[in-house]
Amino acid sequence: MKMINVIVNFRRYLKRRNYSPHTLKYYLNVIRQFVLWLNVPLEHAGVENIENYIDYLHQKRLQPASINLYLAIIRVFYNYLKYEEKINLLNPVKPNCRLRVPKPLPRALREDQVDAFFKIIKTKRDWAMFRLMLRCGLRVEEVANLSLGDIDLKQKRIMVIDGKGGKDRVVYISDDAADGLIAYLRLRSHRRVKKVFLVEKGDYKGQPISVRGIQKRMEYYASKTGLKISCHHLRHTMATQLLNADAQVESIQDLLGHNWITTTERYCNVSNVKVKRDYFNAMEKILKRSAQHSSPSVFDPG
């Protein structure tokens, strides 16, 4: 089995299944690393080799979620070898080899933290970028890929093209986010560039800002405020605020582009404001109903 030919064919297989260029690159990188590490032919690898590989990844200080992703990719590769290349082998990556992964709840910002964060932002570009994450629930990649033609300011909506999982969706723009975006676009001088957010200084001035460029701006403001905050925290905050304002979970799911409502429902566990309000509203009704049907309490708190 010529490994170069197999990997090239595997790439074509993934491409036919419409995997994104980023995913293709990641999958192939994982497979190459595994093949270089493995000290036996691919078709002779067994469960023990996979267990040793997990130990190796632990030594490299990979997180459990990353190790599980590596194992899932290798399992896909072995299935490809067996069913597409017709190689007689057993898949050494068993379903039960996955590592247990903690599932921390999404962490949202308090209102005072949101105010402190936006208060220190002085550039109109950065204010507009991060406001779109907070109000529209955009991922950092979606902000970096946003084009002028995707925005409809009259209808106050944005068409997110080719979001996570290759999905398109519509999100809506709040008044403050729209005002911030308009203020930035009035200053934006490079009219021919289709991407919305551009580099403002240095050798790459006028070119679209990268995902890493946006993340660096977030890291800069986080250090200035002393907040432990990332771009994704703004998206979490939007979801939690909508839930606290009695938006339906199904609507939030559509706005965030979640495949499964169970993903969105995780915000219910951190939305303490709504839980607290619902509890006391319901308890007030219960106590009133109870008082109407029972004798006065003989409990003396003194």
C-alpha atoms as a PDB file:
ATOM      1  CA  MET A   1       0.000   0.000   0.000  1.00  0.00           C
ATOM      2  CA  LYS A   2       1.599   3.256  -1.162  1.00  0.00           C
ATOM      3  CA  MET A   3       0.837   5.730   1.602  1.00  0.00           C
ATOM      4  CA  ILE A   4       1.150   8.853  -0.566  1.00  0.00           C
ATOM      5  CA  ASN A   5      -1.457   7.522  -3.020  1.00  0.00           C
ATOM      6  CA  VAL A   6      -3.788   6.492  -0.194  1.00  0.00           C
ATOM      7  CA  ILE A   7      -3.668   9.936   1.435  1.00  0.00           C
ATOM      8  CA  VAL A   8      -4.240  11.651  -1.931  1.00  0.00           C
ATOM      9  CA  ASN A   9      -7.245   9.394  -2.555  1.00  0.00           C
ATOM     10  CA  PHE A  10      -8.523  10.045   0.976  1.00  0.00           C
ATOM     11  CA  ARG A  11      -8.335  13.783   0.306  1.00  0.00           C
ATOM     12  CA  ARG A  12     -10.379  13.355  -2.872  1.00  0.00           C
ATOM     13  CA  TYR A  13     -12.895  11.264  -0.913  1.00  0.00           C
ATOM     14  CA  LEU A  14     -13.328  14.006   1.692  1.00  0.00           C
ATOM     15  CA  LYS A  15     -13.584  16.631  -1.021  1.00  0.00           C
ATOM     16  CA  ARG A  16     -16.371  14.693  -2.754  1.00  0.00           C
ATOM     17  CA  ARG A  17     -18.209  14.673   0.562  1.00  0.00           C
ATOM     18  CA  ASN A  18     -18.007  18.493   0.571  1.00  0.00           C
ATOM     19  CA  TYR A  19     -15.677  18.918   3.557  1.00  0.00           C
ATOM     20  CA  SER A  20     -14.438  22.498   3.890  1.00  0.00           C
ATOM     21  CA  PRO A  21     -10.811  23.357   2.918  1.00  0.00           C
ATOM     22  CA  HIS A  22     -10.016  24.009   6.600  1.00  0.00           C
ATOM     23  CA  THR A  23     -11.392  20.595   7.625  1.00  0.00           C
ATOM     24  CA  LEU A  24      -9.524  18.869   4.795  1.00  0.00           C
ATOM     25  CA  LYS A  25      -6.247  20.396   5.920  1.00  0.00           C
ATOM     26  CA  TYR A  26      -6.873  19.458   9.553  1.00  0.00           C
ATOM     27  CA  TYR A  27      -7.846  15.843   8.759  1.00  0.00           C
ATOM     28  CA  LEU A  28      -4.819  15.260   6.546  1.00  0.00           C
ATOM     29  CA  ASN A  29      -2.471  16.795   9.088  1.00  0.00           C
ATOM     30  CA  VAL A  30      -3.795  14.445  11.805  1.00  0.00           C
ATOM     31  CA  ILE A  31      -3.447  11.401   9.528  1.00  0.00           C
ATOM     32  CA  ARG A  32       0.118  12.329   8.535  1.00  0.00           C
ATOM     33  CA  GLN A  33       1.116  12.735  12.180  1.00  0.00           C
ATOM     34  CA  PHE A  34      -0.414   9.379  13.061  1.00  0.00           C
ATOM     35  CA  VAL A  35       1.263   7.564  10.161  1.00  0.00           C
ATOM     36  CA  LEU A  36       4.671   9.022  11.074  1.00  0.00           C
ATOM     37  CA  TRP A  37       4.210   7.998  14.709  1.00  0.00           C
ATOM     38  CA  LEU A  38       2.968   4.467  14.002  1.00  0.00           C
ATOM     39  CA  ASN A  39       5.785   1.900  14.021  1.00  0.00           C
ATOM     40  CA  VAL A  40       3.828  -0.857  12.208  1.00  0.00           C
ATOM     41  CA  PRO A  41       1.977  -0.915   8.860  1.00  0.00           C
ATOM     42  CA  LEU A  42      -1.449   0.699   9.023  1.00  0.00           C
ATOM     43  CA  GLU A  43      -3.279  -2.563   8.380  1.00  0.00           C
ATOM     44  CA  HIS A  44      -1.470  -4.253  11.283  1.00  0.00           C
ATOM     45  CA  ALA A  45      -2.326  -1.613  13.913  1.00  0.00           C
ATOM     46  CA  GLY A  46      -4.455  -2.825  16.808  1.00  0.00           C
ATOM     47  CA  VAL A  47      -6.151  -1.535  19.918  1.00  0.00           C
ATOM     48  CA  GLU A  48      -2.860  -1.575  21.825  1.00  0.00           C
ATOM     49  CA  ASN A  49      -1.286   0.781  19.276  1.00  0.00           C
ATOM     50  CA  ILE A  50      -4.178   3.192  19.682  1.00  0.00           C
ATOM     51  CA  GLU A  51      -3.854   3.093  23.464  1.00  0.00           C
ATOM     52  CA  ASN A  52      -0.140   3.891  23.135  1.00  0.00           C
ATOM     53  CA  TYR A  53      -1.029   6.720  20.744  1.00  0.00           C
ATOM     54  CA  ILE A  54      -3.433   8.164  23.323  1.00  0.00           C
ATOM     55  CA  ASP A  55      -0.587   8.072  25.874  1.00  0.00           C
ATOM     56  CA  TYR A  56       1.635   9.852  23.353  1.00  0.00           C
ATOM     57  CA  LEU A  57      -0.958  12.589  22.817  1.00  0.00           C
ATOM     58  CA  HIS A  58      -1.305  12.980  26.590  1.00  0.00           C
ATOM     59  CA  GLN A  59       2.459  13.490  26.805  1.00  0.00           C
ATOM     60  CA  LYS A  60       2.123  16.239  24.208  1.00  0.00           C
ATOM     61  CA  ARG A  61      -0.362  17.876  26.609  1.00  0.00           C
ATOM     62  CA  LEU A  62      -3.333  17.695  24.266  1.00  0.00           C
ATOM     63  CA  GLN A  63      -6.718  18.247  25.870  1.00  0.00           C
ATOM     64  CA  PRO A  64      -9.173  15.309  26.039  1.00  0.00           C
ATOM     65  CA  ALA A  65     -11.486  16.949  23.495  1.00  0.00           C
ATOM     66  CA  SER A  66      -8.599  17.293  21.025  1.00  0.00           C
ATOM     67  CA  ILE A  67      -7.534  13.675  21.572  1.00  0.00           C
ATOM     68  CA  ASN A  68     -11.104  12.531  20.905  1.00  0.00           C
ATOM     69  CA  LEU A  69     -11.116  14.517  17.677  1.00  0.00           C
ATOM     70  CA  TYR A  70      -7.832  12.893  16.591  1.00  0.00           C
ATOM     71  CA  LEU A  71      -9.283   9.446  17.315  1.00  0.00           C
ATOM     72  CA  ALA A  72     -12.487  10.234  15.390  1.00  0.00           C
ATOM     73  CA  ILE A  73     -10.466  11.324  12.334  1.00  0.00           C
ATOM     74  CA  ILE A  74      -8.292   8.204  12.446  1.00  0.00           C
ATOM     75  CA  ARG A  75     -11.427   6.059  12.748  1.00  0.00           C
ATOM     76  CA  VAL A  76     -12.879   7.757   9.641  1.00  0.00           C
ATOM     77  CA  PHE A  77      -9.605   7.096   7.825  1.00  0.00           C
ATOM     78  CA  TYR A  78      -9.637   3.378   8.707  1.00  0.00           C
ATOM     79  CA  ASN A  79     -13.252   3.073   7.591  1.00  0.00           C
ATOM     80  CA  TYR A  80     -12.209   4.665   4.318  1.00  0.00           C
ATOM     81  CA  LEU A  81      -9.373   2.136   3.911  1.00  0.00           C
ATOM     82  CA  LYS A  82     -11.723  -0.771   4.569  1.00  0.00           C
ATOM     83  CA  TYR A  83     -14.785   0.233   2.569  1.00  0.00           C
ATOM     84  CA  GLU A  84     -13.389   2.471  -0.181  1.00  0.00           C
ATOM     85  CA  GLU A  85      -9.886   1.090  -0.750  1.00  0.00           C
ATOM     86  CA  LYS A  86     -11.124  -2.484  -0.025  1.00  0.00           C
ATOM     87  CA  ILE A  87      -8.207  -3.221   2.295  1.00  0.00           C
ATOM     88  CA  ASN A  88      -8.775  -6.188   4.573  1.00  0.00           C
ATOM     89  CA  LEU A  89      -8.327  -4.805   8.085  1.00  0.00           C
ATOM     90  CA  LEU A  90     -10.045  -4.226  11.402  1.00  0.00           C
ATOM     91  CA  ASN A  91     -10.570  -0.667  12.606  1.00  0.00           C
ATOM     92  CA  PRO A  92      -8.328  -0.345  15.694  1.00  0.00           C
ATOM     93  CA  VAL A  93     -10.158   2.756  16.941  1.00  0.00           C
ATOM     94  CA  LYS A  94     -13.057   1.355  18.929  1.00  0.00           C
ATOM     95  CA  PRO A  95     -16.044   3.546  19.918  1.00  0.00           C
ATOM     96  CA  ASN A  96     -15.336   3.012  23.624  1.00  0.00           C
ATOM     97  CA  CYS A  97     -11.801   4.422  23.442  1.00  0.00           C
ATOM     98  CA  ARG A  98     -13.074   7.999  23.722  1.00  0.00           C
ATOM     99  CA  LEU A  99     -11.884   9.978  26.712  1.00  0.00           C
ATOM    100  CA  ARG A 100     -14.308  11.473  29.204  1.00  0.00           C
ATOM    101  CA  VAL A 101     -14.573  15.188  28.551  1.00  0.00           C
ATOM    102  CA  PRO A 102     -15.842  17.720  31.103  1.00  0.00           C
ATOM    103  CA  LYS A 103     -18.657  19.890  29.796  1.00  0.00           C
ATOM    104  CA  PRO A 104     -18.348  23.307  31.423  1.00  0.00           C
ATOM    105  CA  LEU A 105     -21.399  25.518  31.081  1.00  0.00           C
ATOM    106  CA  PRO A 106     -21.203  28.474  28.679  1.00  0.00           C
ATOM    107  CA  ARG A 107     -19.897  31.527  30.524  1.00  0.00           C
ATOM    108  CA  ALA A 108     -21.668  34.832  29.886  1.00  0.00           C
ATOM    109  CA  LEU A 109     -20.586  38.329  30.872  1.00  0.00           C
ATOM    110  CA  ARG A 110     -22.420  40.486  33.391  1.00  0.00           C
ATOM    111  CA  GLU A 111     -23.794  43.831  32.239  1.00  0.00           C
ATOM    112  CA  ASP A 112     -21.083  45.751  34.106  1.00  0.00           C
ATOM    113  CA  GLN A 113     -18.411  43.633  32.402  1.00  0.00           C
ATOM    114  CA  VAL A 114     -19.934  44.298  28.981  1.00  0.00           C
ATOM    115  CA  ASP A 115     -19.963  48.034  29.738  1.00  0.00           C
ATOM    116  CA  ALA A 116     -16.352  47.976  30.957  1.00  0.00           C
ATOM    117  CA  PHE A 117     -15.239  46.097  27.833  1.00  0.00           C
ATOM    118  CA  PHE A 118     -16.867  48.420  25.287  1.00  0.00           C
ATOM    119  CA  LYS A 119     -15.932  51.537  27.244  1.00  0.00           C
ATOM    120  CA  ILE A 120     -12.217  51.093  26.498  1.00  0.00           C
ATOM    121  CA  ILE A 121     -12.666  50.429  22.759  1.00  0.00           C
ATOM    122  CA  LYS A 122     -11.744  53.601  20.902  1.00  0.00           C
ATOM    123  CA  THR A 123     -11.709  52.476  17.252  1.00  0.00           C
ATOM    124  CA  LYS A 124     -14.984  52.322  15.353  1.00  0.00           C
ATOM    125  CA  ARG A 125     -13.915  49.128  13.565  1.00  0.00           C
ATOM    126  CA  ASP A 126     -13.283  47.184  16.762  1.00  0.00           C
ATOM    127  CA  TRP A 127     -16.430  48.514  18.413  1.00  0.00           C
ATOM    128  CA  ALA A 128     -18.526  47.416  15.411  1.00  0.00           C
ATOM    129  CA  MET A 129     -16.811  44.000  15.180  1.00  0.00           C
ATOM    130  CA  PHE A 130     -17.372  43.065  18.777  1.00  0.00           C
ATOM    131  CA  ARG A 131     -20.858  44.580  18.901  1.00  0.00           C
ATOM    132  CA  LEU A 132     -21.892  42.273  16.068  1.00  0.00           C
ATOM    133  CA  MET A 133     -20.680  39.305  18.098  1.00  0.00           C
ATOM    134  CA  LEU A 134     -22.618  40.502  21.137  1.00  0.00           C
ATOM    135  CA  ARG A 135     -25.861  41.450  19.390  1.00  0.00           C
ATOM    136  CA  CYS A 136     -25.943  39.050  16.430  1.00  0.00           C
ATOM    137  CA  GLY A 137     -24.213  36.035  17.977  1.00  0.00           C
ATOM    138  CA  LEU A 138     -21.643  35.873  15.189  1.00  0.00           C
ATOM    139  CA  ARG A 139     -18.622  33.599  15.532  1.00  0.00           C
ATOM    140  CA  VAL A 140     -15.199  35.156  15.020  1.00  0.00           C
ATOM    141  CA  GLU A 141     -14.818  33.340  11.674  1.00  0.00           C
ATOM    142  CA  GLU A 142     -18.180  34.699  10.558  1.00  0.00           C
ATOM    143  CA  VAL A 143     -17.151  38.260  11.384  1.00  0.00           C
ATOM    144  CA  ALA A 144     -13.860  37.848   9.492  1.00  0.00           C
ATOM    145  CA  ASN A 145     -15.701  36.434   6.438  1.00  0.00           C
ATOM    146  CA  LEU A 146     -18.501  39.017   6.462  1.00  0.00           C
ATOM    147  CA  SER A 147     -18.903  40.776   3.103  1.00  0.00           C
ATOM    148  CA  LEU A 148     -20.625  44.065   2.315  1.00  0.00           C
ATOM    149  CA  GLY A 149     -23.223  42.256   0.206  1.00  0.00           C
ATOM    150  CA  ASP A 150     -24.238  40.115   3.174  1.00  0.00           C
ATOM    151  CA  ILE A 151     -25.539  43.126   5.114  1.00  0.00           C
ATOM    152  CA  ASP A 152     -29.020  44.631   4.632  1.00  0.00           C
ATOM    153  CA  LEU A 153     -29.146  47.695   6.875  1.00  0.00           C
ATOM    154  CA  LYS A 154     -32.663  48.639   5.746  1.00  0.00           C
ATOM    155  CA  GLN A 155     -34.026  45.294   6.916  1.00  0.00           C
ATOM    156  CA  LYS A 156     -31.487  45.215   9.768  1.00  0.00           C
ATOM    157  CA  ARG A 157     -30.331  41.717   8.956  1.00  0.00           C
ATOM    158  CA  ILE A 158     -27.187  39.847   7.949  1.00  0.00           C
ATOM    159  CA  MET A 159     -26.965  36.754   5.773  1.00  0.00           C
ATOM    160  CA  VAL A 160     -24.280  34.533   7.265  1.00  0.00           C
ATOM    161  CA  ILE A 161     -22.880  32.609   4.304  1.00  0.00           C
ATOM    162  CA  ASP A 162     -21.157  29.259   4.800  1.00  0.00           C
ATOM    163  CA  GLY A 163     -21.115  29.369   8.580  1.00  0.00           C
ATOM    164  CA  LYS A 164     -20.002  26.486  10.797  1.00  0.00           C
ATOM    165  CA  GLY A 165     -20.886  23.185   9.154  1.00  0.00           C
ATOM    166  CA  GLY A 166     -21.299  24.946   5.794  1.00  0.00           C
ATOM    167  CA  LYS A 167     -24.713  26.317   6.801  1.00  0.00           C
ATOM    168  CA  ASP A 168     -26.239  29.647   5.818  1.00  0.00           C
ATOM    169  CA  ARG A 169     -28.495  31.520   8.221  1.00  0.00           C
ATOM    170  CA  VAL A 170     -30.070  34.934   8.785  1.00  0.00           C
ATOM    171  CA  VAL A 171     -29.332  37.004  11.880  1.00  0.00           C
ATOM    172  CA  TYR A 172     -30.695  40.407  12.834  1.00  0.00           C
ATOM    173  CA  ILE A 173     -28.915  43.629  13.784  1.00  0.00           C
ATOM    174  CA  SER A 174     -29.887  45.610  16.874  1.00  0.00           C
ATOM    175  CA  ASP A 175     -30.073  49.418  16.700  1.00  0.00           C
ATOM    176  CA  ASP A 176     -26.800  49.966  18.558  1.00  0.00           C
ATOM    177  CA  ALA A 177     -24.929  47.395  16.434  1.00  0.00           C
ATOM    178  CA  ALA A 178     -26.346  48.967  13.245  1.00  0.00           C
ATOM    179  CA  ASP A 179     -25.275  52.443  14.383  1.00  0.00           C
ATOM    180  CA  GLY A 180     -21.779  51.187  15.144  1.00  0.00           C
ATOM    181  CA  LEU A 181     -21.514  49.431  11.792  1.00  0.00           C
ATOM    182  CA  ILE A 182     -22.677  52.533   9.891  1.00  0.00           C
ATOM    183  CA  ALA A 183     -20.181  54.713  11.765  1.00  0.00           C
ATOM    184  CA  TYR A 184     -17.356  52.357  10.794  1.00  0.00           C
ATOM    185  CA  LEU A 185     -18.415  52.032   7.141  1.00  0.00           C
ATOM    186  CA  ARG A 186     -18.427  55.829   6.773  1.00  0.00           C
ATOM    187  CA  LEU A 187     -14.741  55.865   7.718  1.00  0.00           C
ATOM    188  CA  ARG A 188     -13.787  52.782   5.717  1.00  0.00           C
ATOM    189  CA  SER A 189     -11.781  54.060   2.737  1.00  0.00           C
ATOM    190  CA  HIS A 190     -11.113  50.916   0.674  1.00  0.00           C
ATOM    191  CA  ARG A 191     -14.373  50.763  -1.244  1.00  0.00           C
ATOM    192  CA  ARG A 192     -13.399  47.977  -3.664  1.00  0.00           C
ATOM    193  CA  VAL A 193     -12.658  45.368  -1.009  1.00  0.00           C
ATOM    194  CA  LYS A 194     -15.713  43.172  -0.431  1.00  0.00           C
ATOM    195  CA  LYS A 195     -14.915  42.062   3.109  1.00  0.00           C
ATOM    196  CA  VAL A 196     -16.326  44.395   5.755  1.00  0.00           C
ATOM    197  CA  PHE A 197     -13.568  44.554   8.350  1.00  0.00           C
ATOM    198  CA  LEU A 198     -10.098  45.542   7.162  1.00  0.00           C
ATOM    199  CA  VAL A 199      -6.622  45.926   8.618  1.00  0.00           C
ATOM    200  CA  GLU A 200      -6.091  49.584   9.511  1.00  0.00           C
ATOM    201  CA  LYS A 201      -2.303  49.803   9.988  1.00  0.00           C
ATOM    202  CA  GLY A 202       0.962  48.319   8.745  1.00  0.00           C
ATOM    203  CA  ASP A 203       1.944  46.450   5.591  1.00  0.00           C
ATOM    204  CA  TYR A 204      -1.447  44.771   5.265  1.00  0.00           C
ATOM    205  CA  LYS A 205      -3.499  47.955   5.570  1.00  0.00           C
ATOM    206  CA  GLY A 206      -6.686  47.723   3.513  1.00  0.00           C
ATOM    207  CA  GLN A 207      -6.694  43.926   3.388  1.00  0.00           C
ATOM    208  CA  PRO A 208      -9.367  41.848   5.182  1.00  0.00           C
ATOM    209  CA  ILE A 209      -8.573  41.294   8.841  1.00  0.00           C
ATOM    210  CA  SER A 210      -7.927  37.643   9.698  1.00  0.00           C
ATOM    211  CA  VAL A 211      -9.486  35.538  12.429  1.00  0.00           C
ATOM    212  CA  ARG A 212      -6.214  35.729  14.340  1.00  0.00           C
ATOM    213  CA  GLY A 213      -6.163  39.494  13.869  1.00  0.00           C
ATOM    214  CA  ILE A 214      -9.587  39.799  15.511  1.00  0.00           C
ATOM    215  CA  GLN A 215      -8.546  37.479  18.325  1.00  0.00           C
ATOM    216  CA  LYS A 216      -5.451  39.603  18.974  1.00  0.00           C
ATOM    217  CA  ARG A 217      -7.642  42.690  19.322  1.00  0.00           C
ATOM    218  CA  MET A 218      -9.807  40.800  21.830  1.00  0.00           C
ATOM    219  CA  GLU A 219      -6.700  39.738  23.772  1.00  0.00           C
ATOM    220  CA  TYR A 220      -5.523  43.363  23.835  1.00  0.00           C
ATOM    221  CA  TYR A 221      -8.799  44.662  25.280  1.00  0.00           C
ATOM    222  CA  ALA A 222      -9.054  41.739  27.700  1.00  0.00           C
ATOM    223  CA  SER A 223      -5.641  42.633  29.127  1.00  0.00           C
ATOM    224  CA  LYS A 224      -6.639  46.306  29.367  1.00  0.00           C
ATOM    225  CA  THR A 225      -9.794  45.530  31.344  1.00  0.00           C
ATOM    226  CA  GLY A 226      -8.466  42.562  33.302  1.00  0.00           C
ATOM    227  CA  LEU A 227     -11.430  40.483  32.118  1.00  0.00           C
ATOM    228  CA  LYS A 228     -11.126  36.812  31.206  1.00  0.00           C
ATOM    229  CA  ILE A 229     -12.954  37.173  27.934  1.00  0.00           C
ATOM    230  CA  SER A 230     -12.835  35.728  24.425  1.00  0.00           C
ATOM    231  CA  CYS A 231     -14.789  36.399  21.253  1.00  0.00           C
ATOM    232  CA  HIS A 232     -16.989  33.388  22.006  1.00  0.00           C
ATOM    233  CA  HIS A 233     -17.952  34.848  25.392  1.00  0.00           C
ATOM    234  CA  LEU A 234     -19.769  37.640  23.535  1.00  0.00           C
ATOM    235  CA  ARG A 235     -21.804  35.036  21.643  1.00  0.00           C
ATOM    236  CA  HIS A 236     -22.588  33.234  24.908  1.00  0.00           C
ATOM    237  CA  THR A 237     -23.646  36.541  26.453  1.00  0.00           C
ATOM    238  CA  MET A 238     -26.068  37.261  23.607  1.00  0.00           C
ATOM    239  CA  ALA A 239     -27.719  33.852  24.034  1.00  0.00           C
ATOM    240  CA  THR A 240     -28.066  34.279  27.794  1.00  0.00           C
ATOM    241  CA  GLN A 241     -29.440  37.814  27.479  1.00  0.00           C
ATOM    242  CA  LEU A 242     -32.041  36.679  24.947  1.00  0.00           C
ATOM    243  CA  LEU A 243     -33.113  33.838  27.198  1.00  0.00           C
ATOM    244  CA  ASN A 244     -33.411  36.183  30.178  1.00  0.00           C
ATOM    245  CA  ALA A 245     -35.575  38.447  28.029  1.00  0.00           C
ATOM    246  CA  ASP A 246     -37.962  35.495  27.448  1.00  0.00           C
ATOM    247  CA  ALA A 247     -36.910  34.692  23.871  1.00  0.00           C
ATOM    248  CA  GLN A 248     -37.850  31.147  22.852  1.00  0.00           C
ATOM    249  CA  VAL A 249     -35.043  28.585  22.888  1.00  0.00           C
ATOM    250  CA  GLU A 250     -35.958  27.576  19.314  1.00  0.00           C
ATOM    251  CA  SER A 251     -35.458  31.166  18.110  1.00  0.00           C
ATOM    252  CA  ILE A 252     -32.082  31.396  19.841  1.00  0.00           C
ATOM    253  CA  GLN A 253     -31.106  28.097  18.231  1.00  0.00           C
ATOM    254  CA  ASP A 254     -31.838  29.522  14.757  1.00  0.00           C
ATOM    255  CA  LEU A 255     -29.964  32.750  15.460  1.00  0.00           C
ATOM    256  CA  LEU A 256     -26.870  30.939  16.737  1.00  0.00           C
ATOM    257  CA  GLY A 257     -26.950  28.294  14.019  1.00  0.00           C
ATOM    258  CA  HIS A 258     -26.911  25.329  16.398  1.00  0.00           C
ATOM    259  CA  ASN A 259     -27.626  21.940  14.815  1.00  0.00           C
ATOM    260  CA  TRP A 260     -29.124  20.546  18.011  1.00  0.00           C
ATOM    261  CA  ILE A 261     -31.439  22.317  20.410  1.00  0.00           C
ATOM    262  CA  THR A 262     -29.671  20.510  23.263  1.00  0.00           C
ATOM    263  CA  THR A 263     -26.669  22.743  22.553  1.00  0.00           C
ATOM    264  CA  THR A 264     -28.815  25.844  22.952  1.00  0.00           C
ATOM    265  CA  GLU A 265     -30.576  24.457  26.014  1.00  0.00           C
ATOM    266  CA  ARG A 266     -27.259  24.473  27.890  1.00  0.00           C
ATOM    267  CA  TYR A 267     -27.774  28.220  28.266  1.00  0.00           C
ATOM    268  CA  CYS A 268     -30.864  27.487  30.348  1.00  0.00           C
ATOM    269  CA  ASN A 269     -28.553  26.113  33.045  1.00  0.00           C
ATOM    270  CA  VAL A 270     -26.654  29.402  33.368  1.00  0.00           C
ATOM    271  CA  SER A 271     -29.564  31.772  32.864  1.00  0.00           C
ATOM    272  CA  ASN A 272     -30.058  32.350  36.584  1.00  0.00           C
ATOM    273  CA  VAL A 273     -31.963  35.610  36.150  1.00  0.00           C
ATOM    274  CA  LYS A 274     -34.811  33.910  34.319  1.00  0.00           C
ATOM    275  CA  VAL A 275     -34.787  30.923  36.683  1.00  0.00           C
ATOM    276  CA  LYS A 276     -34.879  33.239  39.689  1.00  0.00           C
ATOM    277  CA  ARG A 277     -37.723  35.325  38.237  1.00  0.00           C
ATOM    278  CA  ASP A 278     -39.738  32.263  37.258  1.00  0.00           C
ATOM    279  CA  TYR A 279     -39.228  30.715  40.689  1.00  0.00           C
ATOM    280  CA  PHE A 280     -40.426  33.717  42.697  1.00  0.00           C
ATOM    281  CA  ASN A 281     -43.322  34.464  40.341  1.00  0.00           C
ATOM    282  CA  ALA A 282     -44.519  30.879  40.611  1.00  0.00           C
ATOM    283  CA  MET A 283     -43.897  30.705  44.360  1.00  0.00           C
ATOM    284  CA  GLU A 284     -45.916  33.886  44.923  1.00  0.00           C
ATOM    285  CA  LYS A 285     -48.905  32.265  43.203  1.00  0.00           C
ATOM    286  CA  ILE A 286     -48.425  29.055  45.186  1.00  0.00           C
ATOM    287  CA  LEU A 287     -48.325  30.870  48.518  1.00  0.00           C
ATOM    288  CA  LYS A 288     -51.412  32.938  47.690  1.00  0.00           C
ATOM    289  CA  ARG A 289     -53.308  29.804  46.692  1.00  0.00           C
ATOM    290  CA  SER A 290     -52.118  28.021  49.819  1.00  0.00           C
ATOM    291  CA  ALA A 291     -53.202  30.921  52.065  1.00  0.00           C
ATOM    292  CA  GLN A 292     -56.704  30.823  50.604  1.00  0.00           C
ATOM    293  CA  HIS A 293     -57.171  27.133  51.457  1.00  0.00           C
ATOM    294  CA  SER A 294     -55.480  26.786  54.841  1.00  0.00           C
ATOM    295  CA  SER A 295     -55.686  28.178  58.358  1.00  0.00           C
ATOM    296  CA  PRO A 296     -53.209  30.795  59.559  1.00  0.00           C
ATOM    297  CA  SER A 297     -49.736  29.462  60.328  1.00  0.00           C
ATOM    298  CA  VAL A 298     -48.926  28.739  63.968  1.00  0.00           C
ATOM    299  CA  PHE A 299     -45.178  29.041  63.312  1.00  0.00           C
ATOM    300  CA  ASP A 300     -43.635  31.742  65.469  1.00  0.00           C
ATOM    301  CA  PRO A 301     -40.297  32.930  63.998  1.00  0.00           C
ATOM    302  CA  GLY A 302     -39.526  34.561  67.346  1.00  0.00           C
END
